[in-house]
Structure formats: C-alpha cells, structure tokens
Amino acid sequence: MDWFITLEPEDQEFIKQLVMASGSLKQLAKIYKVSYPTVRIRLNKIIQKIGLHDQQGDDVFVTKVMQMVIDEKVSLAIAKELIQVYKEEKKKNA
C-alpha cells in the first residue's frame, strides 16, 4: 500500500472521505460542497496517480514529476525534459 503514502495529504483525506461515504460520489460532493463532476475529476486524477505509481515502481523521482503533471503544476513537455535529463544522469552514474 505504498501508493497511498505517495499521495498528497489532501488526496489521502479525499480517499478517507470516499470510504466514509461508502463510495458515494454524490455524498462526497455534498461533503466537499462541490458538484458531482468536480468530485469525479478529482477522483480520476487520484486514479491516474495510483496507476502511475504502479507503472513507475520504485523510481520515486519520475513518479513525483508525473504526479506534478497530473496536478497541473508542471507541463508535460517540461516533465519529459526533466525525466530525460534525470535518466541520462542516472546512466552516467551507473
């Protein structure tokens, strides 16, 4: 369950609230006082983060950069560039 630890605290809380609401997105929308589509979008982003963690495995740096893309903190183009440089440096040091 290490994927849970990699999530931001607010995403962890969101999952907790989802469980407490018995999986009801409508109930979650009421709790957060937002629309159902807003809750669905947030859940989809969390699902992407979990999937990303499963794909990347132990490479914490790559996972974190891609999480920043999902959260729209970094563009995909910049993320790709960062990851490429990181992997090149990793090969040099191997």
PDB file of N, CA and C in Angstrom:
ATOM      1  N   MET A   1       0.830  -1.194   0.000  1.00  0.00           N
ATOM      2  CA  MET A   1       0.000   0.000   0.000  1.00  0.00           C
ATOM      3  C   MET A   1       0.873   1.256   0.000  1.00  0.00           C
ATOM      4  N   ASP A   2       2.069   1.131  -0.531  1.00  0.00           N
ATOM      5  CA  ASP A   2       2.958   2.280  -0.581  1.00  0.00           C
ATOM      6  C   ASP A   2       2.451   3.367  -1.525  1.00  0.00           C
ATOM      7  N   TRP A   3       1.545   3.039  -2.432  1.00  0.00           N
ATOM      8  CA  TRP A   3       0.966   4.053  -3.319  1.00  0.00           C
ATOM      9  C   TRP A   3       0.230   5.110  -2.508  1.00  0.00           C
ATOM     10  N   PHE A   4      -0.392   4.694  -1.413  1.00  0.00           N
ATOM     11  CA  PHE A   4      -1.160   5.626  -0.586  1.00  0.00           C
ATOM     12  C   PHE A   4      -0.242   6.670   0.040  1.00  0.00           C
ATOM     13  N   ILE A   5       0.922   6.239   0.462  1.00  0.00           N
ATOM     14  CA  ILE A   5       1.881   7.139   1.099  1.00  0.00           C
ATOM     15  C   ILE A   5       2.397   8.187   0.128  1.00  0.00           C
ATOM     16  N   THR A   6       2.467   7.846  -1.169  1.00  0.00           N
ATOM     17  CA  THR A   6       2.976   8.797  -2.153  1.00  0.00           C
ATOM     18  C   THR A   6       1.968   9.883  -2.507  1.00  0.00           C
ATOM     19  N   LEU A   7       0.719   9.689  -2.123  1.00  0.00           N
ATOM     20  CA  LEU A   7      -0.303  10.701  -2.415  1.00  0.00           C
ATOM     21  C   LEU A   7      -0.152  11.901  -1.481  1.00  0.00           C
ATOM     22  N   GLU A   8      -0.580  13.052  -1.980  1.00  0.00           N
ATOM     23  CA  GLU A   8      -0.584  14.261  -1.152  1.00  0.00           C
ATOM     24  C   GLU A   8      -1.584  14.062  -0.005  1.00  0.00           C
ATOM     25  N   PRO A   9      -1.353  14.715   1.135  1.00  0.00           N
ATOM     26  CA  PRO A   9      -2.276  14.553   2.275  1.00  0.00           C
ATOM     27  C   PRO A   9      -3.738  14.854   1.924  1.00  0.00           C
ATOM     28  N   GLU A  10      -3.976  15.851   1.075  1.00  0.00           N
ATOM     29  CA  GLU A  10      -5.369  16.154   0.722  1.00  0.00           C
ATOM     30  C   GLU A  10      -5.987  15.042  -0.123  1.00  0.00           C
ATOM     31  N   ASP A  11      -5.184  14.339  -0.922  1.00  0.00           N
ATOM     32  CA  ASP A  11      -5.697  13.193  -1.678  1.00  0.00           C
ATOM     33  C   ASP A  11      -5.973  12.023  -0.737  1.00  0.00           C
ATOM     34  N   GLN A  12      -5.119  11.840   0.257  1.00  0.00           N
ATOM     35  CA  GLN A  12      -5.356  10.797   1.251  1.00  0.00           C
ATOM     36  C   GLN A  12      -6.657  11.056   2.002  1.00  0.00           C
ATOM     37  N   GLU A  13      -6.879  12.313   2.359  1.00  0.00           N
ATOM     38  CA  GLU A  13      -8.114  12.680   3.062  1.00  0.00           C
ATOM     39  C   GLU A  13      -9.326  12.453   2.166  1.00  0.00           C
ATOM     40  N   PHE A  14      -9.195  12.777   0.887  1.00  0.00           N
ATOM     41  CA  PHE A  14     -10.279  12.568  -0.072  1.00  0.00           C
ATOM     42  C   PHE A  14     -10.658  11.087  -0.119  1.00  0.00           C
ATOM     43  N   ILE A  15      -9.657  10.213  -0.172  1.00  0.00           N
ATOM     44  CA  ILE A  15      -9.918   8.773  -0.194  1.00  0.00           C
ATOM     45  C   ILE A  15     -10.600   8.342   1.105  1.00  0.00           C
ATOM     46  N   LYS A  16     -10.140   8.878   2.219  1.00  0.00           N
ATOM     47  CA  LYS A  16     -10.764   8.562   3.504  1.00  0.00           C
ATOM     48  C   LYS A  16     -12.239   8.961   3.488  1.00  0.00           C
ATOM     49  N   GLN A  17     -12.519  10.165   3.009  1.00  0.00           N
ATOM     50  CA  GLN A  17     -13.905  10.638   2.958  1.00  0.00           C
ATOM     51  C   GLN A  17     -14.745   9.784   2.008  1.00  0.00           C
ATOM     52  N   LEU A  18     -14.132   9.329   0.915  1.00  0.00           N
ATOM     53  CA  LEU A  18     -14.837   8.462  -0.031  1.00  0.00           C
ATOM     54  C   LEU A  18     -15.236   7.152   0.646  1.00  0.00           C
ATOM     55  N   VAL A  19     -14.327   6.586   1.397  1.00  0.00           N
ATOM     56  CA  VAL A  19     -14.617   5.349   2.125  1.00  0.00           C
ATOM     57  C   VAL A  19     -15.706   5.598   3.167  1.00  0.00           C
ATOM     58  N   MET A  20     -15.583   6.702   3.903  1.00  0.00           N
ATOM     59  CA  MET A  20     -16.584   7.018   4.935  1.00  0.00           C
ATOM     60  C   MET A  20     -17.966   7.266   4.321  1.00  0.00           C
ATOM     61  N   ALA A  21     -17.998   7.709   3.066  1.00  0.00           N
ATOM     62  CA  ALA A  21     -19.263   7.943   2.367  1.00  0.00           C
ATOM     63  C   ALA A  21     -19.727   6.683   1.633  1.00  0.00           C
ATOM     64  N   SER A  22     -19.127   5.556   1.979  1.00  0.00           N
ATOM     65  CA  SER A  22     -19.469   4.257   1.364  1.00  0.00           C
ATOM     66  C   SER A  22     -19.327   4.274  -0.149  1.00  0.00           C
ATOM     67  N   GLY A  23     -18.383   5.046  -0.643  1.00  0.00           N
ATOM     68  CA  GLY A  23     -18.122   5.086  -2.079  1.00  0.00           C
ATOM     69  C   GLY A  23     -19.076   5.963  -2.869  1.00  0.00           C
ATOM     70  N   SER A  24     -19.940   6.683  -2.201  1.00  0.00           N
ATOM     71  CA  SER A  24     -20.924   7.525  -2.889  1.00  0.00           C
ATOM     72  C   SER A  24     -20.297   8.861  -3.303  1.00  0.00           C
ATOM     73  N   LEU A  25     -20.154   9.051  -4.600  1.00  0.00           N
ATOM     74  CA  LEU A  25     -19.607  10.318  -5.093  1.00  0.00           C
ATOM     75  C   LEU A  25     -20.587  11.463  -4.852  1.00  0.00           C
ATOM     76  N   LYS A  26     -21.878  11.167  -4.880  1.00  0.00           N
ATOM     77  CA  LYS A  26     -22.881  12.200  -4.590  1.00  0.00           C
ATOM     78  C   LYS A  26     -22.733  12.696  -3.153  1.00  0.00           C
ATOM     79  N   GLN A  27     -22.537  11.751  -2.238  1.00  0.00           N
ATOM     80  CA  GLN A  27     -22.350  12.123  -0.832  1.00  0.00           C
ATOM     81  C   GLN A  27     -21.056  12.914  -0.664  1.00  0.00           C
ATOM     82  N   LEU A  28     -20.021  12.507  -1.373  1.00  0.00           N
ATOM     83  CA  LEU A  28     -18.738  13.203  -1.309  1.00  0.00           C
ATOM     84  C   LEU A  28     -18.876  14.630  -1.834  1.00  0.00           C
ATOM     85  N   ALA A  29     -19.668  14.807  -2.871  1.00  0.00           N
ATOM     86  CA  ALA A  29     -19.913  16.152  -3.409  1.00  0.00           C
ATOM     87  C   ALA A  29     -20.586  17.025  -2.357  1.00  0.00           C
ATOM     88  N   LYS A  30     -21.496  16.456  -1.597  1.00  0.00           N
ATOM     89  CA  LYS A  30     -22.149  17.207  -0.524  1.00  0.00           C
ATOM     90  C   LYS A  30     -21.157  17.569   0.576  1.00  0.00           C
ATOM     91  N   ILE A  31     -20.294  16.610   0.935  1.00  0.00           N
ATOM     92  CA  ILE A  31     -19.300  16.852   1.987  1.00  0.00           C
ATOM     93  C   ILE A  31     -18.378  17.997   1.598  1.00  0.00           C
ATOM     94  N   TYR A  32     -17.900  17.976   0.355  1.00  0.00           N
ATOM     95  CA  TYR A  32     -16.959  18.999  -0.109  1.00  0.00           C
ATOM     96  C   TYR A  32     -17.654  20.253  -0.661  1.00  0.00           C
ATOM     97  N   LYS A  33     -18.985  20.201  -0.736  1.00  0.00           N
ATOM     98  CA  LYS A  33     -19.782  21.325  -1.242  1.00  0.00           C
ATOM     99  C   LYS A  33     -19.348  21.738  -2.651  1.00  0.00           C
ATOM    100  N   VAL A  34     -19.223  20.708  -3.508  1.00  0.00           N
ATOM    101  CA  VAL A  34     -18.886  20.911  -4.913  1.00  0.00           C
ATOM    102  C   VAL A  34     -19.821  20.048  -5.750  1.00  0.00           C
ATOM    103  N   SER A  35     -19.728  20.192  -7.055  1.00  0.00           N
ATOM    104  CA  SER A  35     -20.596  19.412  -7.934  1.00  0.00           C
ATOM    105  C   SER A  35     -20.066  17.984  -8.102  1.00  0.00           C
ATOM    106  N   TYR A  36     -20.951  17.113  -8.523  1.00  0.00           N
ATOM    107  CA  TYR A  36     -20.574  15.726  -8.786  1.00  0.00           C
ATOM    108  C   TYR A  36     -19.438  15.652  -9.806  1.00  0.00           C
ATOM    109  N   PRO A  37     -19.516  16.394 -10.940  1.00  0.00           N
ATOM    110  CA  PRO A  37     -18.409  16.326 -11.908  1.00  0.00           C
ATOM    111  C   PRO A  37     -17.060  16.753 -11.321  1.00  0.00           C
ATOM    112  N   THR A  38     -17.077  17.700 -10.398  1.00  0.00           N
ATOM    113  CA  THR A  38     -15.832  18.127  -9.749  1.00  0.00           C
ATOM    114  C   THR A  38     -15.241  16.984  -8.933  1.00  0.00           C
ATOM    115  N   VAL A  39     -16.081  16.262  -8.207  1.00  0.00           N
ATOM    116  CA  VAL A  39     -15.632  15.111  -7.430  1.00  0.00           C
ATOM    117  C   VAL A  39     -15.099  14.034  -8.375  1.00  0.00           C
ATOM    118  N   ARG A  40     -15.786  13.805  -9.467  1.00  0.00           N
ATOM    119  CA  ARG A  40     -15.372  12.780 -10.436  1.00  0.00           C
ATOM    120  C   ARG A  40     -14.004  13.114 -11.029  1.00  0.00           C
ATOM    121  N   ILE A  41     -13.782  14.380 -11.353  1.00  0.00           N
ATOM    122  CA  ILE A  41     -12.492  14.810 -11.909  1.00  0.00           C
ATOM    123  C   ILE A  41     -11.382  14.572 -10.887  1.00  0.00           C
ATOM    124  N   ARG A  42     -11.636  14.940  -9.655  1.00  0.00           N
ATOM    125  CA  ARG A  42     -10.622  14.743  -8.611  1.00  0.00           C
ATOM    126  C   ARG A  42     -10.322  13.266  -8.411  1.00  0.00           C
ATOM    127  N   LEU A  43     -11.351  12.441  -8.400  1.00  0.00           N
ATOM    128  CA  LEU A  43     -11.151  11.005  -8.259  1.00  0.00           C
ATOM    129  C   LEU A  43     -10.360  10.456  -9.443  1.00  0.00           C
ATOM    130  N   ASN A  44     -10.661  10.918 -10.640  1.00  0.00           N
ATOM    131  CA  ASN A  44      -9.920  10.471 -11.823  1.00  0.00           C
ATOM    132  C   ASN A  44      -8.438  10.822 -11.715  1.00  0.00           C
ATOM    133  N   LYS A  45      -8.129  11.994 -11.184  1.00  0.00           N
ATOM    134  CA  LYS A  45      -6.723  12.385 -11.008  1.00  0.00           C
ATOM    135  C   LYS A  45      -6.027  11.474 -10.006  1.00  0.00           C
ATOM    136  N   ILE A  46      -6.718  11.125  -8.947  1.00  0.00           N
ATOM    137  CA  ILE A  46      -6.137  10.224  -7.942  1.00  0.00           C
ATOM    138  C   ILE A  46      -5.923   8.841  -8.557  1.00  0.00           C
ATOM    139  N   ILE A  47      -6.876   8.390  -9.348  1.00  0.00           N
ATOM    140  CA  ILE A  47      -6.738   7.101 -10.034  1.00  0.00           C
ATOM    141  C   ILE A  47      -5.507   7.128 -10.950  1.00  0.00           C
ATOM    142  N   GLN A  48      -5.303   8.243 -11.661  1.00  0.00           N
ATOM    143  CA  GLN A  48      -4.129   8.376 -12.526  1.00  0.00           C
ATOM    144  C   GLN A  48      -2.840   8.293 -11.706  1.00  0.00           C
ATOM    145  N   LYS A  49      -2.834   8.941 -10.559  1.00  0.00           N
ATOM    146  CA  LYS A  49      -1.640   8.919  -9.705  1.00  0.00           C
ATOM    147  C   LYS A  49      -1.336   7.504  -9.222  1.00  0.00           C
ATOM    148  N   ILE A  50      -2.366   6.772  -8.843  1.00  0.00           N
ATOM    149  CA  ILE A  50      -2.170   5.397  -8.379  1.00  0.00           C
ATOM    150  C   ILE A  50      -1.653   4.533  -9.530  1.00  0.00           C
ATOM    151  N   GLY A  51      -2.258   4.689 -10.694  1.00  0.00           N
ATOM    152  CA  GLY A  51      -1.804   3.946 -11.871  1.00  0.00           C
ATOM    153  C   GLY A  51      -0.374   4.280 -12.230  1.00  0.00           C
ATOM    154  N   LEU A  52      -0.032   5.539 -12.118  1.00  0.00           N
ATOM    155  CA  LEU A  52       1.321   5.986 -12.407  1.00  0.00           C
ATOM    156  C   LEU A  52       2.306   5.343 -11.442  1.00  0.00           C
ATOM    157  N   HIS A  53       1.953   5.315 -10.181  1.00  0.00           N
ATOM    158  CA  HIS A  53       2.819   4.687  -9.183  1.00  0.00           C
ATOM    159  C   HIS A  53       3.044   3.220  -9.527  1.00  0.00           C
ATOM    160  N   ASP A  54       1.986   2.527  -9.914  1.00  0.00           N
ATOM    161  CA  ASP A  54       2.109   1.112 -10.263  1.00  0.00           C
ATOM    162  C   ASP A  54       3.000   0.908 -11.486  1.00  0.00           C
ATOM    163  N   GLN A  55       2.937   1.827 -12.440  1.00  0.00           N
ATOM    164  CA  GLN A  55       3.768   1.745 -13.648  1.00  0.00           C
ATOM    165  C   GLN A  55       5.230   2.027 -13.349  1.00  0.00           C
ATOM    166  N   GLN A  56       5.487   3.049 -12.565  1.00  0.00           N
ATOM    167  CA  GLN A  56       6.847   3.512 -12.344  1.00  0.00           C
ATOM    168  C   GLN A  56       7.605   2.672 -11.333  1.00  0.00           C
ATOM    169  N   GLY A  57       6.891   1.984 -10.474  1.00  0.00           N
ATOM    170  CA  GLY A  57       7.564   1.153  -9.483  1.00  0.00           C
ATOM    171  C   GLY A  57       8.336   1.977  -8.474  1.00  0.00           C
ATOM    172  N   ASP A  58       9.624   1.702  -8.371  1.00  0.00           N
ATOM    173  CA  ASP A  58      10.436   2.305  -7.324  1.00  0.00           C
ATOM    174  C   ASP A  58      11.071   3.635  -7.695  1.00  0.00           C
ATOM    175  N   ASP A  59      10.900   4.121  -8.916  1.00  0.00           N
ATOM    176  CA  ASP A  59      11.543   5.371  -9.324  1.00  0.00           C
ATOM    177  C   ASP A  59      10.730   6.556  -8.818  1.00  0.00           C
ATOM    178  N   VAL A  60      11.036   6.966  -7.616  1.00  0.00           N
ATOM    179  CA  VAL A  60      10.281   7.998  -6.918  1.00  0.00           C
ATOM    180  C   VAL A  60      10.320   9.324  -7.662  1.00  0.00           C
ATOM    181  N   PHE A  61      11.476   9.676  -8.233  1.00  0.00           N
ATOM    182  CA  PHE A  61      11.607  10.955  -8.929  1.00  0.00           C
ATOM    183  C   PHE A  61      10.649  11.041 -10.110  1.00  0.00           C
ATOM    184  N   VAL A  62      10.647  10.017 -10.945  1.00  0.00           N
ATOM    185  CA  VAL A  62       9.783  10.010 -12.129  1.00  0.00           C
ATOM    186  C   VAL A  62       8.320  10.048 -11.703  1.00  0.00           C
ATOM    187  N   THR A  63       7.973   9.279 -10.698  1.00  0.00           N
ATOM    188  CA  THR A  63       6.597   9.264 -10.206  1.00  0.00           C
ATOM    189  C   THR A  63       6.176  10.645  -9.717  1.00  0.00           C
ATOM    190  N   LYS A  64       7.053  11.303  -8.967  1.00  0.00           N
ATOM    191  CA  LYS A  64       6.728  12.631  -8.425  1.00  0.00           C
ATOM    192  C   LYS A  64       6.560  13.654  -9.539  1.00  0.00           C
ATOM    193  N   VAL A  65       7.426  13.615 -10.536  1.00  0.00           N
ATOM    194  CA  VAL A  65       7.317  14.557 -11.659  1.00  0.00           C
ATOM    195  C   VAL A  65       6.003  14.339 -12.402  1.00  0.00           C
ATOM    196  N   MET A  66       5.650  13.088 -12.648  1.00  0.00           N
ATOM    197  CA  MET A  66       4.403  12.815 -13.362  1.00  0.00           C
ATOM    198  C   MET A  66       3.178  13.174 -12.514  1.00  0.00           C
ATOM    199  N   GLN A  67       3.292  13.051 -11.198  1.00  0.00           N
ATOM    200  CA  GLN A  67       2.193  13.496 -10.334  1.00  0.00           C
ATOM    201  C   GLN A  67       2.005  15.001 -10.463  1.00  0.00           C
ATOM    202  N   MET A  68       3.115  15.721 -10.629  1.00  0.00           N
ATOM    203  CA  MET A  68       3.033  17.170 -10.810  1.00  0.00           C
ATOM    204  C   MET A  68       2.345  17.517 -12.128  1.00  0.00           C
ATOM    205  N   VAL A  69       2.525  16.687 -13.139  1.00  0.00           N
ATOM    206  CA  VAL A  69       1.818  16.889 -14.407  1.00  0.00           C
ATOM    207  C   VAL A  69       0.324  16.687 -14.199  1.00  0.00           C
ATOM    208  N   ILE A  70      -0.037  15.620 -13.520  1.00  0.00           N
ATOM    209  CA  ILE A  70      -1.453  15.329 -13.253  1.00  0.00           C
ATOM    210  C   ILE A  70      -2.094  16.467 -12.467  1.00  0.00           C
ATOM    211  N   ASP A  71      -1.347  17.029 -11.518  1.00  0.00           N
ATOM    212  CA  ASP A  71      -1.857  18.138 -10.706  1.00  0.00           C
ATOM    213  C   ASP A  71      -1.762  19.487 -11.414  1.00  0.00           C
ATOM    214  N   GLU A  72      -1.277  19.458 -12.655  1.00  0.00           N
ATOM    215  CA  GLU A  72      -1.124  20.654 -13.487  1.00  0.00           C
ATOM    216  C   GLU A  72      -0.182  21.683 -12.863  1.00  0.00           C
ATOM    217  N   LYS A  73       0.837  21.204 -12.146  1.00  0.00           N
ATOM    218  CA  LYS A  73       1.861  22.075 -11.571  1.00  0.00           C
ATOM    219  C   LYS A  73       3.020  22.255 -12.548  1.00  0.00           C
ATOM    220  N   VAL A  74       3.191  21.273 -13.450  1.00  0.00           N
ATOM    221  CA  VAL A  74       4.263  21.284 -14.434  1.00  0.00           C
ATOM    222  C   VAL A  74       3.673  20.807 -15.754  1.00  0.00           C
ATOM    223  N   SER A  75       4.134  21.392 -16.863  1.00  0.00           N
ATOM    224  CA  SER A  75       3.646  20.947 -18.164  1.00  0.00           C
ATOM    225  C   SER A  75       4.242  19.591 -18.515  1.00  0.00           C
ATOM    226  N   LEU A  76       3.571  18.875 -19.397  1.00  0.00           N
ATOM    227  CA  LEU A  76       4.056  17.569 -19.822  1.00  0.00           C
ATOM    228  C   LEU A  76       5.399  17.701 -20.531  1.00  0.00           C
ATOM    229  N   ALA A  77       5.565  18.748 -21.319  1.00  0.00           N
ATOM    230  CA  ALA A  77       6.823  18.953 -22.041  1.00  0.00           C
ATOM    231  C   ALA A  77       7.993  19.131 -21.071  1.00  0.00           C
ATOM    232  N   ILE A  78       7.803  19.931 -20.049  1.00  0.00           N
ATOM    233  CA  ILE A  78       8.862  20.145 -19.053  1.00  0.00           C
ATOM    234  C   ILE A  78       9.131  18.846 -18.294  1.00  0.00           C
ATOM    235  N   ALA A  79       8.088  18.130 -17.957  1.00  0.00           N
ATOM    236  CA  ALA A  79       8.248  16.869 -17.235  1.00  0.00           C
ATOM    237  C   ALA A  79       9.067  15.881 -18.054  1.00  0.00           C
ATOM    238  N   LYS A  80       8.764  15.775 -19.333  1.00  0.00           N
ATOM    239  CA  LYS A  80       9.520  14.864 -20.199  1.00  0.00           C
ATOM    240  C   LYS A  80      10.990  15.252 -20.251  1.00  0.00           C
ATOM    241  N   GLU A  81      11.252  16.536 -20.333  1.00  0.00           N
ATOM    242  CA  GLU A  81      12.624  17.017 -20.376  1.00  0.00           C
ATOM    243  C   GLU A  81      13.360  16.698 -19.063  1.00  0.00           C
ATOM    244  N   LEU A  82      12.716  16.959 -17.945  1.00  0.00           N
ATOM    245  CA  LEU A  82      13.315  16.652 -16.644  1.00  0.00           C
ATOM    246  C   LEU A  82      13.614  15.159 -16.502  1.00  0.00           C
ATOM    247  N   ILE A  83      12.668  14.345 -16.896  1.00  0.00           N
ATOM    248  CA  ILE A  83      12.842  12.896 -16.785  1.00  0.00           C
ATOM    249  C   ILE A  83      13.962  12.410 -17.696  1.00  0.00           C
ATOM    250  N   GLN A  84      14.050  12.972 -18.892  1.00  0.00           N
ATOM    251  CA  GLN A  84      15.117  12.588 -19.821  1.00  0.00           C
ATOM    252  C   GLN A  84      16.491  12.926 -19.233  1.00  0.00           C
ATOM    253  N   VAL A  85      16.637  14.140 -18.716  1.00  0.00           N
ATOM    254  CA  VAL A  85      17.906  14.547 -18.104  1.00  0.00           C
ATOM    255  C   VAL A  85      18.228  13.647 -16.905  1.00  0.00           C
ATOM    256  N   TYR A  86      17.233  13.378 -16.100  1.00  0.00           N
ATOM    257  CA  TYR A  86      17.405  12.517 -14.928  1.00  0.00           C
ATOM    258  C   TYR A  86      17.899  11.133 -15.341  1.00  0.00           C
ATOM    259  N   LYS A  87      17.270  10.545 -16.345  1.00  0.00           N
ATOM    260  CA  LYS A  87      17.651   9.203 -16.782  1.00  0.00           C
ATOM    261  C   LYS A  87      19.049   9.186 -17.393  1.00  0.00           C
ATOM    262  N   GLU A  88      19.416  10.252 -18.119  1.00  0.00           N
ATOM    263  CA  GLU A  88      20.759  10.341 -18.685  1.00  0.00           C
ATOM    264  C   GLU A  88      21.802  10.413 -17.571  1.00  0.00           C
ATOM    265  N   GLU A  89      21.525  11.215 -16.563  1.00  0.00           N
ATOM    266  CA  GLU A  89      22.460  11.341 -15.425  1.00  0.00           C
ATOM    267  C   GLU A  89      22.549  10.019 -14.658  1.00  0.00           C
ATOM    268  N   LYS A  90      21.424   9.340 -14.542  1.00  0.00           N
ATOM    269  CA  LYS A  90      21.400   8.072 -13.839  1.00  0.00           C
ATOM    270  C   LYS A  90      22.266   7.039 -14.572  1.00  0.00           C
ATOM    271  N   LYS A  91      22.204   7.042 -15.905  1.00  0.00           N
ATOM    272  CA  LYS A  91      23.021   6.122 -16.692  1.00  0.00           C
ATOM    273  C   LYS A  91      24.506   6.435 -16.527  1.00  0.00           C
ATOM    274  N   LYS A  92      24.846   7.719 -16.514  1.00  0.00           N
ATOM    275  CA  LYS A  92      26.245   8.130 -16.358  1.00  0.00           C
ATOM    276  C   LYS A  92      26.819   7.653 -15.027  1.00  0.00           C
ATOM    277  N   ASN A  93      25.995   7.703 -14.000  1.00  0.00           N
ATOM    278  CA  ASN A  93      26.449   7.362 -12.658  1.00  0.00           C
ATOM    279  C   ASN A  93      26.330   5.873 -12.328  1.00  0.00           C
ATOM    280  N   ALA A  94      25.783   5.116 -13.254  1.00  0.00           N
ATOM    281  CA  ALA A  94      25.596   3.673 -13.002  1.00  0.00           C
ATOM    282  C   ALA A  94      26.868   2.887 -13.200  1.00  0.00           C
TER     283      ALA A  94
END
